[in-house]
Amino acid sequence: MTPAPAPIPTPETREFWAGTAQRELRIQRCRTCERPYFHPRPFCPNPDCSSDDVEWFVTAGRANLVSYVINYRPLSVFDTNEPQIIAIVQLEEGPRMLTNILGVAPHPDQLPLGMKLKVDYVARGDQWLPVFRPLQQGVAQ
């Protein structure tokens, strides 16, 4: 099977991908209104602020499951025939992100909304993609 292509960093995402290479989940925060946000951009997404005074910081890497879909069809020619859990998670710091859930059976009874998760990383070419795994008793499975 042909390996899936690696993400290509852009000027806006370069710091995010540099963080994943060090196994750090980095997001941005507005210095003016102090709102953390994700996806990377050079200005605050808060319409009452829109400041360009933003900074990167390392998150705690913890999240809660907000929503998910279990995908049984390959997303592309690069994917396996294994079901994938495509999820929206809410980071402890507040922002939500789209990701995959690993380390749990792809069955609704195993995926309660609000489930506590911890970030992990999987290699994709020369990049590392952030994914999440269930958190059990303070330790990721």
Protein backbone atom coordinates (compact mmCIF):
# COMPACT_ATOMS: atom_id res chain seq x y z
CA MET A 1 0.00 0.00 0.00
CA THR A 2 1.21 3.50 -0.84
CA PRO A 3 1.90 5.59 2.27
CA ALA A 4 -0.45 8.51 2.87
CA PRO A 5 1.02 11.91 2.08
CA ALA A 6 2.38 13.96 4.94
CA PRO A 7 0.91 17.36 5.78
CA ILE A 8 2.80 20.29 4.29
CA PRO A 9 3.37 23.13 6.78
CA THR A 10 2.39 26.62 5.74
CA PRO A 11 3.65 29.84 7.34
CA GLU A 12 0.55 29.82 9.58
CA THR A 13 0.93 26.15 10.63
CA ARG A 14 4.72 25.82 10.81
CA GLU A 15 4.82 26.27 14.62
CA PHE A 16 2.00 23.73 15.08
CA TRP A 17 3.93 21.07 13.11
CA ALA A 18 7.20 21.95 14.86
CA GLY A 19 5.37 21.23 18.12
CA THR A 20 4.01 17.87 17.00
CA ALA A 21 7.54 16.85 15.99
CA GLN A 22 8.46 17.39 19.65
CA ARG A 23 5.23 15.65 20.78
CA GLU A 24 3.74 18.95 21.95
CA LEU A 25 0.27 20.11 21.05
CA ARG A 26 0.71 23.83 20.42
CA ILE A 27 -2.13 26.24 19.81
CA GLN A 28 -2.42 30.01 19.77
CA ARG A 29 -3.73 32.56 22.24
CA CYS A 30 -4.64 36.19 21.76
CA ARG A 31 -2.58 38.41 24.07
CA THR A 32 -5.24 41.12 23.96
CA CYS A 33 -8.37 39.17 24.99
CA GLU A 34 -6.46 36.08 26.27
CA ARG A 35 -8.66 33.71 24.23
CA PRO A 36 -6.96 30.47 23.12
CA TYR A 37 -7.93 29.23 19.66
CA PHE A 38 -7.36 26.59 17.03
CA HIS A 39 -6.83 26.42 13.91
CA PRO A 40 -3.69 28.46 13.38
CA ARG A 41 -4.10 31.98 12.00
CA PRO A 42 -2.27 35.28 12.42
CA PHE A 43 -5.12 37.10 14.21
CA CYS A 44 -7.64 36.56 17.00
CA PRO A 45 -10.87 34.92 15.75
CA ASN A 46 -12.93 36.74 18.41
CA PRO A 47 -15.00 39.23 16.35
CA ASP A 48 -14.93 41.67 19.27
CA CYS A 49 -11.13 41.64 19.23
CA SER A 50 -9.42 40.57 15.96
CA SER A 51 -6.02 41.53 17.36
CA ASP A 52 -2.87 40.39 15.61
CA ASP A 53 -1.04 40.24 18.95
CA VAL A 54 -1.05 36.45 19.27
CA GLU A 55 1.28 33.85 20.74
CA TRP A 56 1.82 30.10 20.62
CA PHE A 57 1.72 27.92 23.75
CA VAL A 58 1.84 24.24 24.65
CA THR A 59 -1.48 22.75 25.79
CA ALA A 60 -1.91 20.19 28.54
CA GLY A 61 -2.83 17.66 25.84
CA ARG A 62 -6.12 16.71 27.50
CA ALA A 63 -9.57 16.90 25.94
CA ASN A 64 -13.16 15.70 26.15
CA LEU A 65 -15.05 13.94 23.38
CA VAL A 66 -17.71 16.26 21.94
CA SER A 67 -18.89 14.39 18.84
CA TYR A 68 -17.75 11.61 16.54
CA VAL A 69 -18.56 9.49 13.54
CA ILE A 70 -17.35 5.96 12.92
CA ASN A 71 -16.20 5.81 9.32
CA TYR A 72 -16.26 2.34 7.76
CA ARG A 73 -15.21 3.47 4.28
CA PRO A 74 -11.64 4.33 3.36
CA LEU A 75 -11.21 8.09 3.08
CA SER A 76 -8.72 7.66 0.25
CA VAL A 77 -6.63 5.10 -1.56
CA PHE A 78 -4.09 5.47 1.27
CA ASP A 79 -6.41 4.29 4.04
CA THR A 80 -6.87 0.81 5.41
CA ASN A 81 -10.21 -0.96 5.58
CA GLU A 82 -10.24 -0.55 9.37
CA PRO A 83 -12.99 1.66 10.80
CA GLN A 84 -11.82 5.11 11.83
CA ILE A 85 -13.21 7.22 14.65
CA ILE A 86 -13.29 10.79 13.38
CA ALA A 87 -14.00 13.09 16.30
CA ILE A 88 -14.40 16.62 17.51
CA VAL A 89 -12.68 17.07 20.85
CA GLN A 90 -12.67 20.05 23.17
CA LEU A 91 -9.25 20.82 24.55
CA GLU A 92 -8.94 21.54 28.27
CA GLU A 93 -7.95 25.08 27.24
CA GLY A 94 -11.27 25.55 25.39
CA PRO A 95 -10.80 25.26 21.62
CA ARG A 96 -12.21 22.34 19.68
CA MET A 97 -10.33 20.36 17.07
CA LEU A 98 -11.05 17.66 14.53
CA THR A 99 -8.97 14.53 15.09
CA ASN A 100 -9.03 10.74 15.27
CA ILE A 101 -9.59 8.59 18.36
CA LEU A 102 -7.36 5.55 18.78
CA GLY A 103 -7.10 2.87 21.45
CA VAL A 104 -10.83 2.20 21.78
CA ALA A 105 -13.20 -0.08 19.89
CA PRO A 106 -15.18 1.75 17.19
CA HIS A 107 -18.55 1.11 18.85
CA PRO A 108 -20.92 3.76 20.25
CA ASP A 109 -21.06 2.06 23.65
CA GLN A 110 -17.28 2.58 23.92
CA LEU A 111 -17.45 6.28 23.00
CA PRO A 112 -19.48 8.18 25.61
CA LEU A 113 -19.69 11.90 24.97
CA GLY A 114 -17.57 13.74 27.49
CA MET A 115 -15.03 10.87 27.61
CA LYS A 116 -11.68 12.14 28.86
CA LEU A 117 -8.89 11.90 26.30
CA LYS A 118 -5.13 12.46 26.08
CA VAL A 119 -3.17 13.49 23.00
CA ASP A 120 -0.85 11.03 21.26
CA TYR A 121 0.99 11.22 17.94
CA VAL A 122 1.21 9.04 14.85
CA ALA A 123 3.80 9.38 12.11
CA ARG A 124 2.68 10.51 8.67
CA GLY A 125 5.74 10.81 6.45
CA ASP A 126 8.10 13.23 8.20
CA GLN A 127 5.26 14.80 10.23
CA TRP A 128 3.51 13.70 13.42
CA LEU A 129 -0.30 13.92 13.53
CA PRO A 130 -2.01 14.58 16.86
CA VAL A 131 -4.63 11.94 17.70
CA PHE A 132 -6.36 11.21 20.99
CA ARG A 133 -6.69 8.13 23.17
CA PRO A 134 -8.93 7.46 26.18
CA LEU A 135 -7.59 8.59 29.52
CA GLN A 136 -7.95 5.98 32.27
CA GLN A 137 -7.18 6.88 35.86
CA GLY A 138 -4.90 9.72 34.76
CA VAL A 139 -2.84 7.56 32.36
CA ALA A 140 -3.42 7.26 28.60
CA GLN A 141 -4.06 3.70 27.49
